[in-house]
Amino acid sequence: MHIEKIEFSGFNSPPSDGISAGAVTFVTDGTRLQIPLTMPRRIEMGKSRDRLLVLAEALKTARLLPEYRKKGELRFAPGVLPQELRRKA
């Protein structure tokens, strides 16, 4: 899967019982992989740290799906994946 865009939805509403819910969608040419997430604390999507936390959790979840378990199945277009989440060479 060659991911061209990452979309975030939810997480901005006040958390109920200390839990924030939303989804991360990986967009490709003709496919959308939506990963619903429930985070155990308040998430502020305006903060870079929280966005990275949510994105890292979505990637971890996506890599557990059978169709994306193989190394290299999830690829990103240049500039889509934040520098902090890129693997060090």
PDB file of N, CA and C in Angstrom:
ATOM      1  N   MET A   1       0.854  -1.166   0.000  1.00  0.00           N
ATOM      2  CA  MET A   1       0.000   0.000   0.000  1.00  0.00           C
ATOM      3  C   MET A   1       0.903   1.232   0.000  1.00  0.00           C
ATOM      4  N   HIS A   2       0.715   2.098  -0.963  1.00  0.00           N
ATOM      5  CA  HIS A   2       1.487   3.341  -1.085  1.00  0.00           C
ATOM      6  C   HIS A   2       0.597   4.494  -0.601  1.00  0.00           C
ATOM      7  N   ILE A   3       0.844   4.947   0.615  1.00  0.00           N
ATOM      8  CA  ILE A   3       0.007   5.950   1.254  1.00  0.00           C
ATOM      9  C   ILE A   3       0.378   7.342   0.748  1.00  0.00           C
ATOM     10  N   GLU A   4      -0.635   8.046   0.231  1.00  0.00           N
ATOM     11  CA  GLU A   4      -0.424   9.375  -0.332  1.00  0.00           C
ATOM     12  C   GLU A   4      -0.886  10.496   0.583  1.00  0.00           C
ATOM     13  N   LYS A   5      -1.746  10.163   1.543  1.00  0.00           N
ATOM     14  CA  LYS A   5      -2.300  11.185   2.427  1.00  0.00           C
ATOM     15  C   LYS A   5      -2.736  10.535   3.738  1.00  0.00           C
ATOM     16  N   ILE A   6      -2.640  11.286   4.826  1.00  0.00           N
ATOM     17  CA  ILE A   6      -3.087  10.822   6.143  1.00  0.00           C
ATOM     18  C   ILE A   6      -4.131  11.816   6.642  1.00  0.00           C
ATOM     19  N   GLU A   7      -5.308  11.285   7.040  1.00  0.00           N
ATOM     20  CA  GLU A   7      -6.383  12.129   7.552  1.00  0.00           C
ATOM     21  C   GLU A   7      -6.710  11.736   8.992  1.00  0.00           C
ATOM     22  N   PHE A   8      -6.976  12.723   9.801  1.00  0.00           N
ATOM     23  CA  PHE A   8      -7.383  12.508  11.194  1.00  0.00           C
ATOM     24  C   PHE A   8      -8.827  12.967  11.351  1.00  0.00           C
ATOM     25  N   SER A   9      -9.629  12.213  12.080  1.00  0.00           N
ATOM     26  CA  SER A   9     -10.995  12.646  12.382  1.00  0.00           C
ATOM     27  C   SER A   9     -11.299  12.309  13.839  1.00  0.00           C
ATOM     28  N   GLY A  10     -12.130  13.139  14.447  1.00  0.00           N
ATOM     29  CA  GLY A  10     -12.446  12.935  15.854  1.00  0.00           C
ATOM     30  C   GLY A  10     -11.338  13.490  16.734  1.00  0.00           C
ATOM     31  N   PHE A  11     -11.225  13.006  17.921  1.00  0.00           N
ATOM     32  CA  PHE A  11     -10.234  13.373  18.931  1.00  0.00           C
ATOM     33  C   PHE A  11     -10.375  14.805  19.441  1.00  0.00           C
ATOM     34  N   ASN A  12     -11.125  15.672  18.774  1.00  0.00           N
ATOM     35  CA  ASN A  12     -11.239  17.061  19.195  1.00  0.00           C
ATOM     36  C   ASN A  12     -12.374  17.310  20.174  1.00  0.00           C
ATOM     37  N   SER A  13     -13.302  16.376  20.274  1.00  0.00           N
ATOM     38  CA  SER A  13     -14.400  16.566  21.213  1.00  0.00           C
ATOM     39  C   SER A  13     -13.912  16.277  22.631  1.00  0.00           C
ATOM     40  N   PRO A  14     -14.552  16.876  23.624  1.00  0.00           N
ATOM     41  CA  PRO A  14     -14.125  16.628  25.002  1.00  0.00           C
ATOM     42  C   PRO A  14     -14.180  15.137  25.323  1.00  0.00           C
ATOM     43  N   PRO A  15     -13.129  14.620  25.930  1.00  0.00           N
ATOM     44  CA  PRO A  15     -13.117  13.184  26.229  1.00  0.00           C
ATOM     45  C   PRO A  15     -14.135  12.831  27.307  1.00  0.00           C
ATOM     46  N   SER A  16     -14.743  11.685  27.140  1.00  0.00           N
ATOM     47  CA  SER A  16     -15.656  11.190  28.168  1.00  0.00           C
ATOM     48  C   SER A  16     -14.914  10.131  28.974  1.00  0.00           C
ATOM     49  N   ASP A  17     -14.978  10.215  30.263  1.00  0.00           N
ATOM     50  CA  ASP A  17     -14.290   9.278  31.154  1.00  0.00           C
ATOM     51  C   ASP A  17     -12.785   9.227  30.885  1.00  0.00           C
ATOM     52  N   GLY A  18     -12.201  10.338  30.432  1.00  0.00           N
ATOM     53  CA  GLY A  18     -10.757  10.382  30.196  1.00  0.00           C
ATOM     54  C   GLY A  18     -10.307   9.660  28.940  1.00  0.00           C
ATOM     55  N   ILE A  19     -11.233   9.323  28.063  1.00  0.00           N
ATOM     56  CA  ILE A  19     -10.910   8.574  26.849  1.00  0.00           C
ATOM     57  C   ILE A  19     -11.218   9.447  25.634  1.00  0.00           C
ATOM     58  N   SER A  20     -10.284   9.507  24.689  1.00  0.00           N
ATOM     59  CA  SER A  20     -10.502  10.223  23.435  1.00  0.00           C
ATOM     60  C   SER A  20     -10.654   9.217  22.312  1.00  0.00           C
ATOM     61  N   ALA A  21     -11.618   9.450  21.429  1.00  0.00           N
ATOM     62  CA  ALA A  21     -11.864   8.528  20.324  1.00  0.00           C
ATOM     63  C   ALA A  21     -11.818   9.272  19.001  1.00  0.00           C
ATOM     64  N   GLY A  22     -11.387   8.568  17.978  1.00  0.00           N
ATOM     65  CA  GLY A  22     -11.321   9.132  16.637  1.00  0.00           C
ATOM     66  C   GLY A  22     -10.810   8.081  15.680  1.00  0.00           C
ATOM     67  N   ALA A  23     -10.343   8.529  14.528  1.00  0.00           N
ATOM     68  CA  ALA A  23      -9.839   7.600  13.523  1.00  0.00           C
ATOM     69  C   ALA A  23      -8.736   8.258  12.712  1.00  0.00           C
ATOM     70  N   VAL A  24      -7.850   7.416  12.199  1.00  0.00           N
ATOM     71  CA  VAL A  24      -6.815   7.838  11.266  1.00  0.00           C
ATOM     72  C   VAL A  24      -7.092   7.098   9.972  1.00  0.00           C
ATOM     73  N   THR A  25      -7.089   7.821   8.866  1.00  0.00           N
ATOM     74  CA  THR A  25      -7.343   7.216   7.564  1.00  0.00           C
ATOM     75  C   THR A  25      -6.111   7.367   6.693  1.00  0.00           C
ATOM     76  N   PHE A  26      -5.649   6.246   6.144  1.00  0.00           N
ATOM     77  CA  PHE A  26      -4.544   6.243   5.195  1.00  0.00           C
ATOM     78  C   PHE A  26      -5.162   6.188   3.802  1.00  0.00           C
ATOM     79  N   VAL A  27      -4.868   7.189   2.987  1.00  0.00           N
ATOM     80  CA  VAL A  27      -5.463   7.305   1.662  1.00  0.00           C
ATOM     81  C   VAL A  27      -4.438   6.931   0.603  1.00  0.00           C
ATOM     82  N   THR A  28      -4.850   6.042  -0.313  1.00  0.00           N
ATOM     83  CA  THR A  28      -4.014   5.657  -1.439  1.00  0.00           C
ATOM     84  C   THR A  28      -4.780   5.969  -2.714  1.00  0.00           C
ATOM     85  N   ASP A  29      -4.251   5.547  -3.804  1.00  0.00           N
ATOM     86  CA  ASP A  29      -4.914   5.753  -5.092  1.00  0.00           C
ATOM     87  C   ASP A  29      -6.073   4.768  -5.205  1.00  0.00           C
ATOM     88  N   GLY A  30      -7.238   5.161  -4.716  1.00  0.00           N
ATOM     89  CA  GLY A  30      -8.420   4.318  -4.831  1.00  0.00           C
ATOM     90  C   GLY A  30      -8.783   3.524  -3.594  1.00  0.00           C
ATOM     91  N   THR A  31      -7.976   3.593  -2.527  1.00  0.00           N
ATOM     92  CA  THR A  31      -8.265   2.833  -1.312  1.00  0.00           C
ATOM     93  C   THR A  31      -8.142   3.749  -0.100  1.00  0.00           C
ATOM     94  N   ARG A  32      -9.013   3.515   0.868  1.00  0.00           N
ATOM     95  CA  ARG A  32      -8.948   4.235   2.140  1.00  0.00           C
ATOM     96  C   ARG A  32      -8.940   3.196   3.257  1.00  0.00           C
ATOM     97  N   LEU A  33      -7.900   3.202   4.071  1.00  0.00           N
ATOM     98  CA  LEU A  33      -7.802   2.307   5.214  1.00  0.00           C
ATOM     99  C   LEU A  33      -8.035   3.140   6.462  1.00  0.00           C
ATOM    100  N   GLN A  34      -9.213   2.947   7.095  1.00  0.00           N
ATOM    101  CA  GLN A  34      -9.560   3.722   8.286  1.00  0.00           C
ATOM    102  C   GLN A  34      -9.289   2.892   9.525  1.00  0.00           C
ATOM    103  N   ILE A  35      -8.513   3.467  10.442  1.00  0.00           N
ATOM    104  CA  ILE A  35      -8.151   2.799  11.695  1.00  0.00           C
ATOM    105  C   ILE A  35      -8.832   3.551  12.844  1.00  0.00           C
ATOM    106  N   PRO A  36      -9.894   2.978  13.433  1.00  0.00           N
ATOM    107  CA  PRO A  36     -10.521   3.618  14.595  1.00  0.00           C
ATOM    108  C   PRO A  36      -9.643   3.410  15.830  1.00  0.00           C
ATOM    109  N   LEU A  37      -9.518   4.453  16.629  1.00  0.00           N
ATOM    110  CA  LEU A  37      -8.671   4.379  17.819  1.00  0.00           C
ATOM    111  C   LEU A  37      -9.387   4.959  19.028  1.00  0.00           C
ATOM    112  N   THR A  38      -9.096   4.392  20.169  1.00  0.00           N
ATOM    113  CA  THR A  38      -9.530   4.931  21.448  1.00  0.00           C
ATOM    114  C   THR A  38      -8.273   5.139  22.269  1.00  0.00           C
ATOM    115  N   MET A  39      -8.021   6.377  22.625  1.00  0.00           N
ATOM    116  CA  MET A  39      -6.816   6.712  23.384  1.00  0.00           C
ATOM    117  C   MET A  39      -7.182   6.894  24.855  1.00  0.00           C
ATOM    118  N   PRO A  40      -6.318   6.446  25.763  1.00  0.00           N
ATOM    119  CA  PRO A  40      -6.650   6.477  27.191  1.00  0.00           C
ATOM    120  C   PRO A  40      -6.497   7.830  27.873  1.00  0.00           C
ATOM    121  N   ARG A  41      -6.327   8.894  27.098  1.00  0.00           N
ATOM    122  CA  ARG A  41      -6.201  10.223  27.692  1.00  0.00           C
ATOM    123  C   ARG A  41      -6.697  11.264  26.701  1.00  0.00           C
ATOM    124  N   ARG A  42      -6.746  12.506  27.153  1.00  0.00           N
ATOM    125  CA  ARG A  42      -7.189  13.597  26.282  1.00  0.00           C
ATOM    126  C   ARG A  42      -6.155  13.839  25.186  1.00  0.00           C
ATOM    127  N   ILE A  43      -6.618  13.941  23.965  1.00  0.00           N
ATOM    128  CA  ILE A  43      -5.756  14.188  22.809  1.00  0.00           C
ATOM    129  C   ILE A  43      -6.080  15.568  22.257  1.00  0.00           C
ATOM    130  N   GLU A  44      -5.058  16.373  22.068  1.00  0.00           N
ATOM    131  CA  GLU A  44      -5.219  17.691  21.459  1.00  0.00           C
ATOM    132  C   GLU A  44      -4.510  17.655  20.109  1.00  0.00           C
ATOM    133  N   MET A  45      -5.291  17.584  19.036  1.00  0.00           N
ATOM    134  CA  MET A  45      -4.720  17.405  17.703  1.00  0.00           C
ATOM    135  C   MET A  45      -3.912  18.618  17.246  1.00  0.00           C
ATOM    136  N   GLY A  46      -4.039  19.726  17.916  1.00  0.00           N
ATOM    137  CA  GLY A  46      -3.239  20.890  17.586  1.00  0.00           C
ATOM    138  C   GLY A  46      -1.790  20.756  18.061  1.00  0.00           C
ATOM    139  N   LYS A  47      -1.555  19.823  18.957  1.00  0.00           N
ATOM    140  CA  LYS A  47      -0.208  19.603  19.479  1.00  0.00           C
ATOM    141  C   LYS A  47       0.502  18.541  18.639  1.00  0.00           C
ATOM    142  N   SER A  48       1.689  18.860  18.203  1.00  0.00           N
ATOM    143  CA  SER A  48       2.472  17.950  17.367  1.00  0.00           C
ATOM    144  C   SER A  48       2.703  16.607  18.064  1.00  0.00           C
ATOM    145  N   ARG A  49       2.987  16.660  19.349  1.00  0.00           N
ATOM    146  CA  ARG A  49       3.259  15.430  20.113  1.00  0.00           C
ATOM    147  C   ARG A  49       2.047  14.490  20.105  1.00  0.00           C
ATOM    148  N   ASP A  50       0.863  15.052  20.296  1.00  0.00           N
ATOM    149  CA  ASP A  50      -0.346  14.225  20.316  1.00  0.00           C
ATOM    150  C   ASP A  50      -0.652  13.657  18.932  1.00  0.00           C
ATOM    151  N   ARG A  51      -0.445  14.456  17.877  1.00  0.00           N
ATOM    152  CA  ARG A  51      -0.662  13.957  16.505  1.00  0.00           C
ATOM    153  C   ARG A  51       0.274  12.785  16.209  1.00  0.00           C
ATOM    154  N   LEU A  52       1.533  12.911  16.637  1.00  0.00           N
ATOM    155  CA  LEU A  52       2.501  11.828  16.429  1.00  0.00           C
ATOM    156  C   LEU A  52       2.107  10.581  17.208  1.00  0.00           C
ATOM    157  N   LEU A  53       1.618  10.772  18.428  1.00  0.00           N
ATOM    158  CA  LEU A  53       1.180   9.650  19.252  1.00  0.00           C
ATOM    159  C   LEU A  53       0.037   8.889  18.571  1.00  0.00           C
ATOM    160  N   VAL A  54      -0.942   9.627  18.077  1.00  0.00           N
ATOM    161  CA  VAL A  54      -2.090   9.012  17.400  1.00  0.00           C
ATOM    162  C   VAL A  54      -1.642   8.314  16.115  1.00  0.00           C
ATOM    163  N   LEU A  55      -0.794   8.964  15.337  1.00  0.00           N
ATOM    164  CA  LEU A  55      -0.318   8.371  14.089  1.00  0.00           C
ATOM    165  C   LEU A  55       0.501   7.113  14.352  1.00  0.00           C
ATOM    166  N   ALA A  56       1.362   7.131  15.346  1.00  0.00           N
ATOM    167  CA  ALA A  56       2.155   5.949  15.691  1.00  0.00           C
ATOM    168  C   ALA A  56       1.255   4.790  16.102  1.00  0.00           C
ATOM    169  N   GLU A  57       0.226   5.069  16.867  1.00  0.00           N
ATOM    170  CA  GLU A  57      -0.713   4.019  17.288  1.00  0.00           C
ATOM    171  C   GLU A  57      -1.465   3.452  16.089  1.00  0.00           C
ATOM    172  N   ALA A  58      -1.854   4.312  15.147  1.00  0.00           N
ATOM    173  CA  ALA A  58      -2.553   3.853  13.943  1.00  0.00           C
ATOM    174  C   ALA A  58      -1.640   2.973  13.088  1.00  0.00           C
ATOM    175  N   LEU A  59      -0.385   3.350  12.953  1.00  0.00           N
ATOM    176  CA  LEU A  59       0.566   2.536  12.180  1.00  0.00           C
ATOM    177  C   LEU A  59       0.779   1.176  12.838  1.00  0.00           C
ATOM    178  N   LYS A  60       0.896   1.182  14.149  1.00  0.00           N
ATOM    179  CA  LYS A  60       1.053  -0.080  14.889  1.00  0.00           C
ATOM    180  C   LYS A  60      -0.146  -0.998  14.654  1.00  0.00           C
ATOM    181  N   THR A  61      -1.335  -0.429  14.704  1.00  0.00           N
ATOM    182  CA  THR A  61      -2.557  -1.198  14.483  1.00  0.00           C
ATOM    183  C   THR A  61      -2.637  -1.697  13.044  1.00  0.00           C
ATOM    184  N   ALA A  62      -2.299  -0.839  12.078  1.00  0.00           N
ATOM    185  CA  ALA A  62      -2.360  -1.232  10.662  1.00  0.00           C
ATOM    186  C   ALA A  62      -1.402  -2.375  10.371  1.00  0.00           C
ATOM    187  N   ARG A  63      -0.246  -2.361  10.996  1.00  0.00           N
ATOM    188  CA  ARG A  63       0.745  -3.424  10.754  1.00  0.00           C
ATOM    189  C   ARG A  63       0.348  -4.752  11.371  1.00  0.00           C
ATOM    190  N   LEU A  64      -0.666  -4.756  12.221  1.00  0.00           N
ATOM    191  CA  LEU A  64      -1.185  -6.010  12.779  1.00  0.00           C
ATOM    192  C   LEU A  64      -2.210  -6.668  11.859  1.00  0.00           C
ATOM    193  N   LEU A  65      -2.734  -5.911  10.898  1.00  0.00           N
ATOM    194  CA  LEU A  65      -3.706  -6.467   9.950  1.00  0.00           C
ATOM    195  C   LEU A  65      -3.007  -7.467   9.034  1.00  0.00           C
ATOM    196  N   PRO A  66      -3.614  -8.613   8.774  1.00  0.00           N
ATOM    197  CA  PRO A  66      -2.959  -9.663   7.986  1.00  0.00           C
ATOM    198  C   PRO A  66      -2.426  -9.186   6.633  1.00  0.00           C
ATOM    199  N   GLU A  67      -3.165  -8.335   5.955  1.00  0.00           N
ATOM    200  CA  GLU A  67      -2.740  -7.916   4.619  1.00  0.00           C
ATOM    201  C   GLU A  67      -1.556  -6.953   4.624  1.00  0.00           C
ATOM    202  N   TYR A  68      -1.179  -6.427   5.787  1.00  0.00           N
ATOM    203  CA  TYR A  68      -0.071  -5.463   5.859  1.00  0.00           C
ATOM    204  C   TYR A  68       1.042  -5.914   6.794  1.00  0.00           C
ATOM    205  N   ARG A  69       1.083  -7.182   7.142  1.00  0.00           N
ATOM    206  CA  ARG A  69       2.100  -7.680   8.076  1.00  0.00           C
ATOM    207  C   ARG A  69       3.491  -7.781   7.459  1.00  0.00           C
ATOM    208  N   LYS A  70       3.571  -8.018   6.177  1.00  0.00           N
ATOM    209  CA  LYS A  70       4.873  -8.178   5.537  1.00  0.00           C
ATOM    210  C   LYS A  70       5.636  -6.863   5.580  1.00  0.00           C
ATOM    211  N   LYS A  71       6.937  -6.965   5.768  1.00  0.00           N
ATOM    212  CA  LYS A  71       7.773  -5.778   5.801  1.00  0.00           C
ATOM    213  C   LYS A  71       7.687  -5.049   4.455  1.00  0.00           C
ATOM    214  N   GLY A  72       7.479  -3.758   4.511  1.00  0.00           N
ATOM    215  CA  GLY A  72       7.414  -2.968   3.292  1.00  0.00           C
ATOM    216  C   GLY A  72       6.040  -2.850   2.678  1.00  0.00           C
ATOM    217  N   GLU A  73       5.024  -3.463   3.276  1.00  0.00           N
ATOM    218  CA  GLU A  73       3.676  -3.379   2.713  1.00  0.00           C
ATOM    219  C   GLU A  73       3.087  -1.978   2.846  1.00  0.00           C
ATOM    220  N   LEU A  74       3.480  -1.254   3.882  1.00  0.00           N
ATOM    221  CA  LEU A  74       3.024   0.126   4.057  1.00  0.00           C
ATOM    222  C   LEU A  74       4.162   1.049   3.645  1.00  0.00           C
ATOM    223  N   ARG A  75       3.961   1.772   2.560  1.00  0.00           N
ATOM    224  CA  ARG A  75       4.944   2.732   2.065  1.00  0.00           C
ATOM    225  C   ARG A  75       4.285   4.098   2.006  1.00  0.00           C
ATOM    226  N   PHE A  76       5.089   5.126   2.116  1.00  0.00           N
ATOM    227  CA  PHE A  76       4.554   6.485   2.157  1.00  0.00           C
ATOM    228  C   PHE A  76       5.149   7.329   1.037  1.00  0.00           C
ATOM    229  N   ALA A  77       4.298   8.149   0.449  1.00  0.00           N
ATOM    230  CA  ALA A  77       4.766   9.111  -0.548  1.00  0.00           C
ATOM    231  C   ALA A  77       5.721  10.074   0.155  1.00  0.00           C
ATOM    232  N   PRO A  78       6.667  10.657  -0.583  1.00  0.00           N
ATOM    233  CA  PRO A  78       7.603  11.605   0.042  1.00  0.00           C
ATOM    234  C   PRO A  78       6.874  12.748   0.748  1.00  0.00           C
ATOM    235  N   GLY A  79       7.304  13.023   1.966  1.00  0.00           N
ATOM    236  CA  GLY A  79       6.743  14.126   2.735  1.00  0.00           C
ATOM    237  C   GLY A  79       5.472  13.821   3.498  1.00  0.00           C
ATOM    238  N   VAL A  80       4.923  12.617   3.369  1.00  0.00           N
ATOM    239  CA  VAL A  80       3.672  12.280   4.062  1.00  0.00           C
ATOM    240  C   VAL A  80       3.929  11.881   5.507  1.00  0.00           C
ATOM    241  N   LEU A  81       4.923  11.056   5.742  1.00  0.00           N
ATOM    242  CA  LEU A  81       5.224  10.580   7.090  1.00  0.00           C
ATOM    243  C   LEU A  81       6.111  11.600   7.806  1.00  0.00           C
ATOM    244  N   PRO A  82       5.733  12.049   8.999  1.00  0.00           N
ATOM    245  CA  PRO A  82       6.561  13.009   9.729  1.00  0.00           C
ATOM    246  C   PRO A  82       7.959  12.456   9.996  1.00  0.00           C
ATOM    247  N   GLN A  83       8.939  13.333   9.999  1.00  0.00           N
ATOM    248  CA  GLN A  83      10.342  12.953  10.200  1.00  0.00           C
ATOM    249  C   GLN A  83      10.534  12.126  11.474  1.00  0.00           C
ATOM    250  N   GLU A  84       9.788  12.459  12.526  1.00  0.00           N
ATOM    251  CA  GLU A  84       9.947  11.770  13.810  1.00  0.00           C
ATOM    252  C   GLU A  84       9.557  10.301  13.744  1.00  0.00           C
ATOM    253  N   LEU A  85       8.757   9.917  12.766  1.00  0.00           N
ATOM    254  CA  LEU A  85       8.311   8.530  12.676  1.00  0.00           C
ATOM    255  C   LEU A  85       9.039   7.733  11.588  1.00  0.00           C
ATOM    256  N   ARG A  86       9.943   8.362  10.876  1.00  0.00           N
ATOM    257  CA  ARG A  86      10.688   7.646   9.836  1.00  0.00           C
ATOM    258  C   ARG A  86      11.765   6.791  10.480  1.00  0.00           C
ATOM    259  N   ARG A  87      11.999   5.639   9.881  1.00  0.00           N
ATOM    260  CA  ARG A  87      13.041   4.749  10.390  1.00  0.00           C
ATOM    261  C   ARG A  87      14.414   5.337  10.091  1.00  0.00           C
ATOM    262  N   LYS A  88      15.301   5.151  11.031  1.00  0.00           N
ATOM    263  CA  LYS A  88      16.669   5.616  10.850  1.00  0.00           C
ATOM    264  C   LYS A  88      17.408   4.609   9.965  1.00  0.00           C
ATOM    265  N   ALA A  89      18.142   5.092   9.000  1.00  0.00           N
ATOM    266  CA  ALA A  89      18.892   4.200   8.093  1.00  0.00           C
ATOM    267  C   ALA A  89      20.203   3.785   8.692  1.00  0.00           C
TER     268      ALA A  89
END
